[in-house]
Amino acid sequence: MPYIVKSMRKRYLIFLFLAGLTSSCMFGSYPSGYPSGGGQQYPSGSQQSPDDTYPNTSNQPSSSRPADPGVTVNSIRLTRDYTIVNLTYTDNAKPRYDRNGRPTSTGTIGFDPAGYLVGANGARTFAFVKAEGIPLKKEQIDPATGRKVLVGRNTFPGDVVTFTLYFERLDKGLENFDLFECNTDQYVCWNIYNLYVNNPADQVVYAPQTTPTPTPSKPLPTKKPMTLPQTSGESGGEMETPKPETPKAKPTPAPVPVPTLIAVSGVVSDAKNKRPVTATIDYQLSSSKQAIDSVQSFASTGAYRMSLVKGQVYTYIASARGYQSSSGVLDLSKLAGGQKLTRDITLTPLAVGDKVTLKNIYFEMSKSDLLSASYAELDQLVSMMQGNPNMTIRLEGHTDIIGDHDKNLQLSRDRVIACQRYLVQKGLDIDRIQTIGYGDTRPILTKGTDDERKVNRRVEFAILTI
C-alpha cells in the first residue's frame, strides 16, 4: 500500500512539472518588427466632430483572435478621422488574499501608446491616438523592491473593464487588420488578430478609351416619283417608291466621369554613390492584393513618372538587380487635383556577407504562426530574390534573453522555418533559403526595459551568394 501511494505521488509531481512547463510564458514572442505608425497625430483631448459621417459598427467577427483570453472585442467603428475599437477585459484570475484576509490585486492593466493597427498585409500601419477608460502603460522602479513595475489600473478577480481605443483612420477599402500592442508576456496583452470592419472603397474610375467620331457623309438626293406606262387591265397612273423609315435615335449614354490624376515622379538612385538606378516600381491600391501596374526608371537619369488617381492610397515596391528592394506608401487622399507629388527612392546595393533585418515580421504570441501582416515584408524579399536569380540567403531567428533558453532556441528555429515555408510557397527554390535559430544567444541589448530590448526579437537574413 505505501508503494502505491508513493508511486501515485511521484506521478502527480511529474504531472505538475509538465503542466508548469506548458503554461510558462515564452519570451521573445512579440513580433520581431516594431514599426511606428506615421501621419498626423490628434490631440488626446479632441472630440468626435458632429460631421463624422462614417458611423459603421462591426460586431466582433468569429475569426478575431485576442492574444489574451480575457479580452473581448465589442465593436469597431469608423469616423472621418478615427478607427475606434471598443474592448472589454475580464480578470479571470483566482482570488488572492493578504495576511489579514483582504483581497489583493491580481494584475495591472494599461495600454502602450506605441501600439498600432496594421493592414494591407503589413504594408500600412495606423498610429494610436488616445484611449478612454484605461490608463496608458508605463514602467517605473518600485522603491521598496528596486524592481520595475507597471503603472496602470489594478484589477481584482471578477473585475470587468470596458474601454475605447482611438487610432488613425483606416484607408478606405481596408477592412481586415490586426492590433499590435504587447511587448511582453508579463502583462495583459492587447494584440488582436483578424479584426474586420465594413469600410468600402471609393470607386476608382479610369478614363475610357476615346473612339474617333466618324465624319457624316453628304445626304443622298431625294428620288423623284417614278412614272410607269399605263397598261391594259390596269388602272394605270403614277407609282411612288416606298419611303424608308426614319431610324429611331438611340438614347445618349451618360457621360463617364474622368478621374482627377496626380503626377507622381522622382529619381531612383544608389544609396551609397547616388548614381541613377534602373528599377521597376510595382504599385497597387492599399486595399488591393494585386499590383495595378508598374513603371521603370530611366537608366541615364533614374527618373520615373506615373499618374495615379486622386483620393487613393497606394503602396509600392521598387526593385533592381543587385539591390535590396524598397517599399513605401503614396498617400494621395489629401492632395488636391493638379498637385504633384515627388518621391525619390534610394536602393541599397547587395553584397555577400551583408545581414538585413526584416523589420515587419509578425507572429502570434509565444508561437511560430506567421501572421498575414508579415506578407508585405516577405513579398519584398521574394521580389528581390526573383530579380537576383543567383542569390542565396540564410534566415536567422533571434529571441530576447528572458525566459527558458531551450524554449527560446526552439521558438527561433520554428519561426524562421515558417518564413522559409512562405517564401517557397511564393515560388522560390528551397535550396536557396537556409535557416538557423540562435534563440537568445546573440542579443543586441542585454540591459534595459522590455520595450528597449524588443530589438532582440528579430528575423534577419544573411546573403550567402549573389
Protein backbone atom coordinates (compact mmCIF):
# COMPACT_ATOMS: atom_id res chain seq x y z
CA MET A 1 0.00 0.00 0.00
CA PRO A 2 2.79 2.54 0.84
CA TYR A 3 4.42 1.70 -2.52
CA ILE A 4 1.16 2.54 -4.37
CA VAL A 5 0.83 5.86 -2.52
CA LYS A 6 4.46 6.70 -3.24
CA SER A 7 4.04 5.85 -6.94
CA MET A 8 0.89 7.99 -7.23
CA ARG A 9 2.62 10.91 -5.51
CA LYS A 10 5.55 10.62 -7.95
CA ARG A 11 3.22 10.66 -10.94
CA TYR A 12 1.38 13.69 -9.53
CA LEU A 13 4.65 15.62 -9.10
CA ILE A 14 5.67 14.78 -12.69
CA PHE A 15 2.27 15.99 -13.90
CA LEU A 16 2.66 19.30 -12.06
CA PHE A 17 6.14 19.78 -13.52
CA LEU A 18 4.95 19.17 -17.09
CA ALA A 19 1.94 21.45 -16.60
CA GLY A 20 4.23 24.20 -15.39
CA LEU A 21 6.39 23.87 -18.48
CA THR A 22 3.37 24.02 -20.75
CA SER A 23 1.81 27.06 -19.15
CA SER A 24 5.01 29.10 -18.68
CA CYS A 25 5.26 32.17 -20.88
CA MET A 26 7.79 32.26 -23.67
CA PHE A 27 9.63 35.49 -24.11
CA GLY A 28 10.78 36.76 -27.45
CA SER A 29 7.26 36.17 -28.72
CA TYR A 30 6.36 39.71 -29.68
CA PRO A 31 6.51 40.48 -33.40
CA SER A 32 10.13 40.81 -34.44
CA GLY A 33 9.21 44.04 -36.20
CA TYR A 34 8.08 47.14 -34.40
CA PRO A 35 7.03 49.76 -36.96
CA SER A 36 5.67 53.06 -35.79
CA GLY A 37 2.60 54.47 -37.41
CA GLY A 38 3.09 57.68 -39.31
CA GLY A 39 0.84 60.52 -40.21
CA GLN A 40 -1.00 63.19 -38.33
CA GLN A 41 -1.35 62.90 -34.57
CA TYR A 42 -4.55 64.13 -32.95
CA PRO A 43 -4.62 65.77 -29.52
CA SER A 44 -5.77 63.42 -26.78
CA GLY A 45 -8.48 65.84 -25.79
CA SER A 46 -10.05 66.16 -29.21
CA GLN A 47 -13.67 65.14 -29.52
CA GLN A 48 -15.55 63.45 -32.28
CA SER A 49 -16.92 66.11 -34.56
CA PRO A 50 -20.63 66.11 -35.47
CA ASP A 51 -19.89 65.60 -39.16
CA ASP A 52 -18.20 62.25 -38.61
CA THR A 53 -20.21 60.63 -41.34
CA TYR A 54 -18.98 57.05 -41.19
CA PRO A 55 -20.56 55.54 -38.09
CA ASN A 56 -20.25 51.93 -39.27
CA THR A 57 -20.27 49.48 -36.42
CA SER A 58 -18.97 45.95 -36.67
CA ASN A 59 -19.64 43.27 -34.09
CA GLN A 60 -16.73 41.06 -33.18
CA PRO A 61 -16.19 38.64 -36.06
CA SER A 62 -15.86 34.97 -35.24
CA SER A 63 -12.36 34.91 -36.75
CA SER A 64 -10.85 37.61 -34.49
CA ARG A 65 -8.29 36.14 -32.08
CA PRO A 66 -7.26 38.11 -28.98
CA ALA A 67 -3.84 37.07 -27.63
CA ASP A 68 -5.22 37.17 -24.08
CA PRO A 69 -8.32 35.03 -23.39
CA GLY A 70 -9.75 37.68 -21.06
CA VAL A 71 -10.11 40.23 -23.90
CA THR A 72 -13.33 40.65 -25.88
CA VAL A 73 -13.92 42.89 -28.91
CA ASN A 74 -17.25 44.67 -28.51
CA SER A 75 -17.34 46.87 -31.61
CA ILE A 76 -15.25 48.59 -34.26
CA ARG A 77 -16.38 51.94 -35.65
CA LEU A 78 -15.04 54.29 -38.31
CA THR A 79 -15.46 58.05 -38.30
CA ARG A 80 -13.98 60.67 -40.59
CA ASP A 81 -10.79 60.83 -38.50
CA TYR A 82 -10.59 57.70 -36.37
CA THR A 83 -10.73 53.93 -36.22
CA ILE A 84 -12.42 53.27 -32.86
CA VAL A 85 -12.08 49.88 -31.13
CA ASN A 86 -14.14 49.12 -28.01
CA LEU A 87 -12.83 46.29 -25.82
CA THR A 88 -13.71 44.58 -22.55
CA TYR A 89 -11.21 42.93 -20.21
CA THR A 90 -12.34 40.42 -17.58
CA ASP A 91 -9.96 39.45 -14.77
CA ASN A 92 -10.40 35.67 -14.59
CA ALA A 93 -7.62 35.04 -12.07
CA LYS A 94 -8.24 33.18 -8.84
CA PRO A 95 -8.74 35.36 -5.75
CA ARG A 96 -5.68 36.24 -3.67
CA TYR A 97 -5.60 37.45 -0.08
CA ASP A 98 -3.03 39.11 2.12
CA ARG A 99 -2.12 38.03 5.63
CA ASN A 100 -5.10 39.88 7.02
CA GLY A 101 -7.52 38.11 4.69
CA ARG A 102 -8.09 41.13 2.48
CA PRO A 103 -8.30 40.56 -1.31
CA THR A 104 -5.25 41.69 -3.27
CA SER A 105 -4.86 42.80 -6.85
CA THR A 106 -4.11 40.04 -9.33
CA GLY A 107 -2.93 42.26 -12.18
CA THR A 108 -2.30 45.71 -13.58
CA ILE A 109 -3.55 46.84 -16.98
CA GLY A 110 -2.71 49.76 -19.25
CA PHE A 111 -2.38 50.42 -22.95
CA ASP A 112 1.02 51.02 -24.53
CA PRO A 113 0.89 54.25 -26.60
CA ALA A 114 3.32 52.61 -29.04
CA GLY A 115 0.52 50.25 -30.12
CA TYR A 116 -0.85 50.50 -33.65
CA LEU A 117 -3.09 48.91 -36.27
CA VAL A 118 -1.59 47.17 -39.27
CA GLY A 119 -3.36 46.35 -42.54
CA ALA A 120 -2.73 45.67 -46.24
CA ASN A 121 -0.77 42.55 -45.25
CA GLY A 122 1.68 44.67 -43.31
CA ALA A 123 2.13 47.45 -45.86
CA ARG A 124 0.14 50.05 -43.86
CA THR A 125 0.25 50.98 -40.17
CA PHE A 126 -2.06 53.33 -38.28
CA ALA A 127 -0.85 55.03 -35.10
CA PHE A 128 -2.55 55.08 -31.71
CA VAL A 129 -4.17 58.43 -30.90
CA LYS A 130 -5.86 58.22 -27.49
CA ALA A 131 -7.62 55.93 -25.02
CA GLU A 132 -10.72 56.29 -22.87
CA GLY A 133 -11.40 54.14 -19.81
CA ILE A 134 -7.86 52.73 -19.46
CA PRO A 135 -4.58 54.41 -18.43
CA LEU A 136 -1.52 54.45 -20.64
CA LYS A 137 1.04 51.78 -19.85
CA LYS A 138 4.39 52.77 -18.34
CA GLU A 139 7.04 51.26 -16.10
CA GLN A 140 8.75 52.70 -13.02
CA ILE A 141 11.11 51.50 -10.30
CA ASP A 142 9.45 50.27 -7.10
CA PRO A 143 11.45 51.95 -4.28
CA ALA A 144 10.64 49.10 -1.90
CA THR A 145 11.95 46.28 -4.10
CA GLY A 146 14.08 48.08 -6.68
CA ARG A 147 12.24 46.23 -9.44
CA LYS A 148 10.46 47.66 -12.46
CA VAL A 149 6.69 47.57 -12.09
CA LEU A 150 3.84 48.52 -14.38
CA VAL A 151 1.96 51.68 -13.52
CA GLY A 152 -1.69 51.46 -14.52
CA ARG A 153 -5.02 50.22 -13.20
CA ASN A 154 -5.01 47.40 -10.65
CA THR A 155 -7.64 44.72 -11.20
CA PHE A 156 -9.17 42.12 -8.89
CA PRO A 157 -10.71 38.74 -9.75
CA GLY A 158 -14.08 39.27 -11.43
CA ASP A 159 -13.37 42.86 -12.43
CA VAL A 160 -14.79 43.84 -15.83
CA VAL A 161 -13.18 46.85 -17.54
CA THR A 162 -14.60 48.28 -20.77
CA PHE A 163 -12.54 50.88 -22.63
CA THR A 164 -12.16 52.52 -26.03
CA LEU A 165 -9.07 52.97 -28.20
CA TYR A 166 -8.70 55.55 -30.98
CA PHE A 167 -6.33 55.06 -33.92
CA GLU A 168 -5.74 56.86 -37.20
CA ARG A 169 -8.46 56.08 -39.70
CA LEU A 170 -8.02 53.07 -41.94
CA ASP A 171 -7.62 53.72 -45.67
CA LYS A 172 -10.93 53.30 -47.46
CA GLY A 173 -11.19 49.76 -48.74
CA LEU A 174 -9.09 48.28 -45.91
CA GLU A 175 -11.46 46.04 -43.97
CA ASN A 176 -9.20 43.40 -42.39
CA PHE A 177 -6.48 44.41 -39.96
CA ASP A 178 -4.62 43.50 -36.75
CA LEU A 179 -3.95 45.35 -33.50
CA PHE A 180 -0.40 45.11 -32.06
CA GLU A 181 0.48 46.45 -28.63
CA CYS A 182 2.13 43.85 -26.44
CA ASN A 183 5.86 43.93 -25.80
CA THR A 184 5.96 41.35 -23.03
CA ASP A 185 4.19 38.33 -21.62
CA GLN A 186 4.32 39.79 -18.09
CA TYR A 187 1.18 41.92 -18.54
CA VAL A 188 -2.19 41.62 -20.24
CA CYS A 189 -1.60 41.77 -23.99
CA TRP A 190 -3.97 43.64 -26.30
CA ASN A 191 -2.73 42.02 -29.52
CA ILE A 192 -5.80 41.05 -31.56
CA TYR A 193 -5.64 39.36 -34.95
CA ASN A 194 -8.07 39.20 -37.89
CA LEU A 195 -10.21 42.20 -36.99
CA TYR A 196 -12.84 43.31 -39.51
CA VAL A 197 -14.86 46.47 -40.16
CA ASN A 198 -17.16 47.43 -43.02
CA ASN A 199 -15.09 50.01 -44.93
CA PRO A 200 -15.99 50.12 -48.64
CA ALA A 201 -13.56 51.73 -51.04
CA ASP A 202 -14.37 54.69 -53.23
CA GLN A 203 -14.95 53.64 -56.82
CA VAL A 204 -11.84 54.17 -58.89
CA VAL A 205 -12.86 55.28 -62.40
CA TYR A 206 -10.29 55.37 -65.14
CA ALA A 207 -10.67 57.44 -68.32
CA PRO A 208 -12.28 55.37 -71.10
CA GLN A 209 -10.57 54.93 -74.44
CA THR A 210 -11.77 57.55 -76.91
CA THR A 211 -13.17 56.33 -80.22
CA PRO A 212 -12.92 58.77 -83.15
CA THR A 213 -16.33 60.08 -84.28
CA PRO A 214 -16.97 59.32 -87.99
CA THR A 215 -17.48 62.34 -90.30
CA PRO A 216 -21.12 62.41 -91.52
CA SER A 217 -21.47 61.89 -95.28
CA LYS A 218 -23.48 64.19 -97.53
CA PRO A 219 -27.21 63.31 -97.74
CA LEU A 220 -28.26 61.48 -100.89
CA PRO A 221 -30.57 63.38 -103.28
CA THR A 222 -34.26 62.63 -102.90
CA LYS A 223 -35.55 60.37 -105.64
CA LYS A 224 -38.38 61.71 -107.75
CA PRO A 225 -41.54 59.65 -108.23
CA MET A 226 -41.09 57.07 -110.97
CA THR A 227 -43.73 57.20 -113.81
CA LEU A 228 -44.68 53.90 -115.40
CA PRO A 229 -46.55 53.47 -118.68
CA GLN A 230 -50.19 52.51 -118.39
CA THR A 231 -51.07 49.01 -119.46
CA SER A 232 -54.40 47.39 -120.34
CA GLY A 233 -56.36 45.95 -117.48
CA GLU A 234 -54.72 48.24 -115.02
CA SER A 235 -55.94 51.47 -113.68
CA GLY A 236 -52.59 52.99 -114.57
CA GLY A 237 -51.10 56.11 -113.10
CA GLU A 238 -48.00 57.08 -111.14
CA MET A 239 -46.38 54.70 -108.56
CA GLU A 240 -44.04 56.09 -105.92
CA THR A 241 -41.23 54.09 -104.35
CA PRO A 242 -41.82 53.44 -100.62
CA LYS A 243 -40.10 55.94 -98.30
CA PRO A 244 -37.54 54.44 -95.98
CA GLU A 245 -38.39 54.50 -92.26
CA THR A 246 -36.55 57.07 -90.22
CA PRO A 247 -34.38 55.19 -87.68
CA LYS A 248 -35.14 55.94 -84.07
CA ALA A 249 -32.46 57.89 -82.25
CA LYS A 250 -30.53 55.85 -79.66
CA PRO A 251 -30.50 57.23 -76.12
CA THR A 252 -27.39 59.22 -75.33
CA PRO A 253 -25.26 57.30 -72.79
CA ALA A 254 -24.49 59.04 -69.51
CA PRO A 255 -21.05 60.63 -69.55
CA VAL A 256 -18.33 58.62 -67.78
CA PRO A 257 -16.65 60.73 -65.12
CA VAL A 258 -12.99 61.34 -65.86
CA PRO A 259 -10.81 60.81 -62.77
CA THR A 260 -8.57 63.52 -61.43
CA LEU A 261 -4.99 62.35 -61.79
CA ILE A 262 -1.97 63.35 -59.78
CA ALA A 263 1.52 63.19 -61.26
CA VAL A 264 3.95 61.24 -59.07
CA SER A 265 7.61 61.44 -60.03
CA GLY A 266 11.05 61.06 -58.56
CA VAL A 267 14.53 59.65 -59.01
CA VAL A 268 15.81 56.17 -58.11
CA SER A 269 19.44 56.23 -57.01
CA ASP A 270 22.16 54.13 -55.37
CA ALA A 271 22.17 54.73 -51.59
CA LYS A 272 25.99 54.75 -51.48
CA ASN A 273 27.24 56.55 -54.60
CA LYS A 274 24.00 58.41 -55.51
CA ARG A 275 24.19 57.21 -59.12
CA PRO A 276 20.93 56.64 -61.04
CA VAL A 277 19.49 53.12 -60.98
CA THR A 278 17.23 51.39 -63.48
CA ALA A 279 14.46 49.97 -61.29
CA THR A 280 10.96 48.55 -61.65
CA ILE A 281 8.32 50.14 -59.43
CA ASP A 282 5.23 47.96 -58.89
CA TYR A 283 2.30 49.79 -57.31
CA GLN A 284 -1.19 48.92 -56.10
CA LEU A 285 -4.06 50.31 -54.05
CA SER A 286 -3.52 49.79 -50.34
CA SER A 287 -6.79 47.86 -50.19
CA SER A 288 -5.87 45.60 -53.13
CA LYS A 289 -3.97 42.34 -53.15
CA GLN A 290 -2.90 42.62 -56.78
CA ALA A 291 -0.47 45.07 -58.37
CA ILE A 292 -2.17 47.57 -60.68
CA ASP A 293 0.76 48.38 -62.91
CA SER A 294 4.47 49.13 -62.92
CA VAL A 295 6.84 51.75 -64.31
CA GLN A 296 10.58 51.77 -64.92
CA SER A 297 13.09 54.45 -64.14
CA PHE A 298 15.38 55.70 -66.94
CA ALA A 299 18.89 54.25 -66.97
CA SER A 300 20.54 57.61 -67.68
CA THR A 301 18.80 59.68 -65.01
CA GLY A 302 16.96 57.26 -62.71
CA ALA A 303 13.83 59.36 -63.21
CA TYR A 304 10.36 57.81 -63.20
CA ARG A 305 6.86 59.19 -63.56
CA MET A 306 3.35 57.83 -63.15
CA SER A 307 -0.18 59.24 -62.99
CA LEU A 308 -2.33 58.00 -60.11
CA VAL A 309 -5.95 58.68 -59.19
CA LYS A 310 -6.51 61.42 -56.62
CA GLY A 311 -8.01 60.45 -53.27
CA GLN A 312 -6.46 56.98 -53.12
CA VAL A 313 -3.64 55.44 -51.06
CA TYR A 314 -1.10 53.30 -52.91
CA THR A 315 1.74 51.05 -51.80
CA TYR A 316 4.75 50.24 -53.97
CA ILE A 317 7.86 48.05 -54.19
CA ALA A 318 10.93 49.29 -56.07
CA SER A 319 13.35 46.56 -57.15
CA ALA A 320 16.51 46.37 -59.25
CA ARG A 321 19.09 43.72 -59.92
CA GLY A 322 21.93 43.84 -57.40
CA TYR A 323 19.95 45.91 -54.86
CA GLN A 324 17.72 45.42 -51.84
CA SER A 325 14.09 46.10 -52.67
CA SER A 326 12.44 49.14 -51.11
CA SER A 327 8.77 49.66 -50.30
CA GLY A 328 6.69 52.70 -49.39
CA VAL A 329 3.31 54.42 -49.35
CA LEU A 330 1.89 57.07 -51.68
CA ASP A 331 -0.96 58.80 -49.86
CA LEU A 332 -2.98 60.84 -52.34
CA SER A 333 -6.08 61.06 -50.16
CA LYS A 334 -5.38 64.63 -49.03
CA LEU A 335 -3.93 66.12 -52.22
CA ALA A 336 -5.91 68.47 -54.42
CA GLY A 337 -6.33 67.91 -58.12
CA GLY A 338 -3.48 69.25 -60.21
CA GLN A 339 -0.96 68.89 -57.40
CA LYS A 340 2.23 66.93 -57.91
CA LEU A 341 3.96 64.52 -55.56
CA THR A 342 7.72 63.96 -55.58
CA ARG A 343 9.07 60.72 -54.11
CA ASP A 344 12.76 59.91 -54.51
CA ILE A 345 13.80 56.31 -53.85
CA THR A 346 17.22 55.06 -52.74
CA LEU A 347 18.23 51.42 -53.13
CA THR A 348 20.99 49.74 -51.10
CA PRO A 349 23.39 47.55 -53.10
CA LEU A 350 23.66 43.88 -52.16
CA ALA A 351 26.95 42.28 -51.11
CA VAL A 352 27.88 38.78 -49.94
CA GLY A 353 28.08 38.72 -46.16
CA ASP A 354 25.54 41.51 -45.60
CA LYS A 355 22.88 40.98 -42.94
CA VAL A 356 19.46 42.59 -43.25
CA THR A 357 16.81 42.73 -40.51
CA LEU A 358 13.26 42.04 -41.62
CA LYS A 359 11.57 44.74 -39.55
CA ASN A 360 7.94 43.87 -40.18
CA ILE A 361 7.65 40.17 -39.39
CA TYR A 362 4.82 39.24 -37.04
CA PHE A 363 3.99 36.03 -35.18
CA GLU A 364 1.30 35.06 -32.73
CA MET A 365 2.30 35.43 -29.10
CA SER A 366 4.66 32.66 -27.97
CA LYS A 367 4.09 30.81 -31.25
CA SER A 368 5.67 30.38 -34.65
CA ASP A 369 2.42 31.02 -36.55
CA LEU A 370 3.21 33.63 -39.21
CA LEU A 371 0.60 36.41 -39.41
CA SER A 372 -0.66 37.96 -42.64
CA ALA A 373 0.81 41.30 -41.55
CA SER A 374 4.22 39.80 -42.41
CA TYR A 375 3.40 39.21 -46.06
CA ALA A 376 4.37 42.65 -47.38
CA GLU A 377 7.89 42.38 -45.93
CA LEU A 378 8.36 38.81 -47.16
CA ASP A 379 6.96 39.68 -50.60
CA GLN A 380 9.64 42.34 -50.82
CA LEU A 381 12.25 39.64 -50.17
CA VAL A 382 10.63 37.43 -52.81
CA SER A 383 10.82 40.27 -55.35
CA MET A 384 14.48 40.83 -54.55
CA MET A 385 15.41 37.15 -54.92
CA GLN A 386 13.44 36.85 -58.15
CA GLY A 387 15.39 39.80 -59.55
CA ASN A 388 18.65 38.17 -58.47
CA PRO A 389 18.28 34.52 -59.52
CA ASN A 390 21.73 33.51 -58.24
CA MET A 391 21.12 34.91 -54.76
CA THR A 392 21.02 32.53 -51.78
CA ILE A 393 20.33 33.53 -48.18
CA ARG A 394 20.28 32.20 -44.63
CA LEU A 395 17.32 33.16 -42.43
CA GLU A 396 18.39 33.71 -38.81
CA GLY A 397 15.97 33.84 -35.87
CA HIS A 398 16.59 35.57 -32.53
CA THR A 399 14.63 35.99 -29.28
CA ASP A 400 15.03 38.10 -26.14
CA ILE A 401 17.30 37.00 -23.28
CA ILE A 402 14.38 36.48 -20.87
CA GLY A 403 12.78 33.07 -20.48
CA ASP A 404 13.83 29.46 -20.86
CA HIS A 405 16.91 29.09 -23.09
CA ASP A 406 15.86 25.84 -24.77
CA LYS A 407 12.35 27.12 -25.48
CA ASN A 408 13.72 30.33 -26.96
CA LEU A 409 16.09 28.35 -29.15
CA GLN A 410 13.32 26.12 -30.49
CA LEU A 411 10.98 29.08 -30.99
CA SER A 412 13.57 30.92 -33.09
CA ARG A 413 14.09 27.82 -35.24
CA ASP A 414 10.37 27.30 -35.79
CA ARG A 415 9.83 30.94 -36.76
CA VAL A 416 12.49 31.08 -39.47
CA ILE A 417 11.16 27.80 -40.86
CA ALA A 418 7.72 29.44 -41.07
CA CYS A 419 9.29 32.30 -43.06
CA GLN A 420 11.10 29.83 -45.31
CA ARG A 421 7.84 27.98 -45.96
CA TYR A 422 6.14 31.21 -47.08
CA LEU A 423 8.97 32.08 -49.48
CA VAL A 424 8.84 28.60 -51.01
CA GLN A 425 5.07 28.89 -51.46
CA LYS A 426 5.75 32.07 -53.44
CA GLY A 427 7.85 30.11 -55.93
CA LEU A 428 11.41 30.32 -54.58
CA ASP A 429 13.58 27.18 -54.57
CA ILE A 430 14.05 25.88 -51.03
CA ASP A 431 17.72 25.22 -51.80
CA ARG A 432 18.23 28.99 -51.94
CA ILE A 433 16.99 29.52 -48.38
CA GLN A 434 18.90 28.12 -45.39
CA THR A 435 17.57 28.55 -41.83
CA ILE A 436 19.10 28.71 -38.36
CA GLY A 437 17.75 29.70 -34.95
CA TYR A 438 20.04 31.33 -32.41
CA GLY A 439 17.48 31.81 -29.65
CA ASP A 440 18.76 34.22 -27.01
CA THR A 441 22.48 33.69 -27.67
CA ARG A 442 23.05 36.79 -29.84
CA PRO A 443 21.17 39.71 -28.24
CA ILE A 444 21.63 43.30 -29.38
CA LEU A 445 20.89 44.59 -25.84
CA THR A 446 21.37 42.76 -22.55
CA LYS A 447 20.00 45.51 -20.28
CA GLY A 448 17.16 47.98 -20.29
CA THR A 449 13.39 47.72 -20.23
CA ASP A 450 11.44 45.12 -22.12
CA ASP A 451 10.44 47.82 -24.59
CA GLU A 452 14.11 48.71 -25.16
CA ARG A 453 15.10 45.04 -25.54
CA LYS A 454 12.48 44.35 -28.20
CA VAL A 455 15.25 44.82 -30.79
CA ASN A 456 16.49 41.38 -29.67
CA ARG A 457 13.36 39.73 -31.10
CA ARG A 458 14.07 39.72 -34.80
CA VAL A 459 14.42 37.75 -38.03
CA GLU A 460 17.42 38.54 -40.22
CA PHE A 461 18.78 37.19 -43.46
CA ALA A 462 22.43 36.87 -44.42
CA ILE A 463 23.43 36.98 -48.10
CA LEU A 464 25.46 33.87 -48.97
CA THR A 465 25.82 34.26 -52.75
CA ILE A 466 24.65 36.75 -55.30
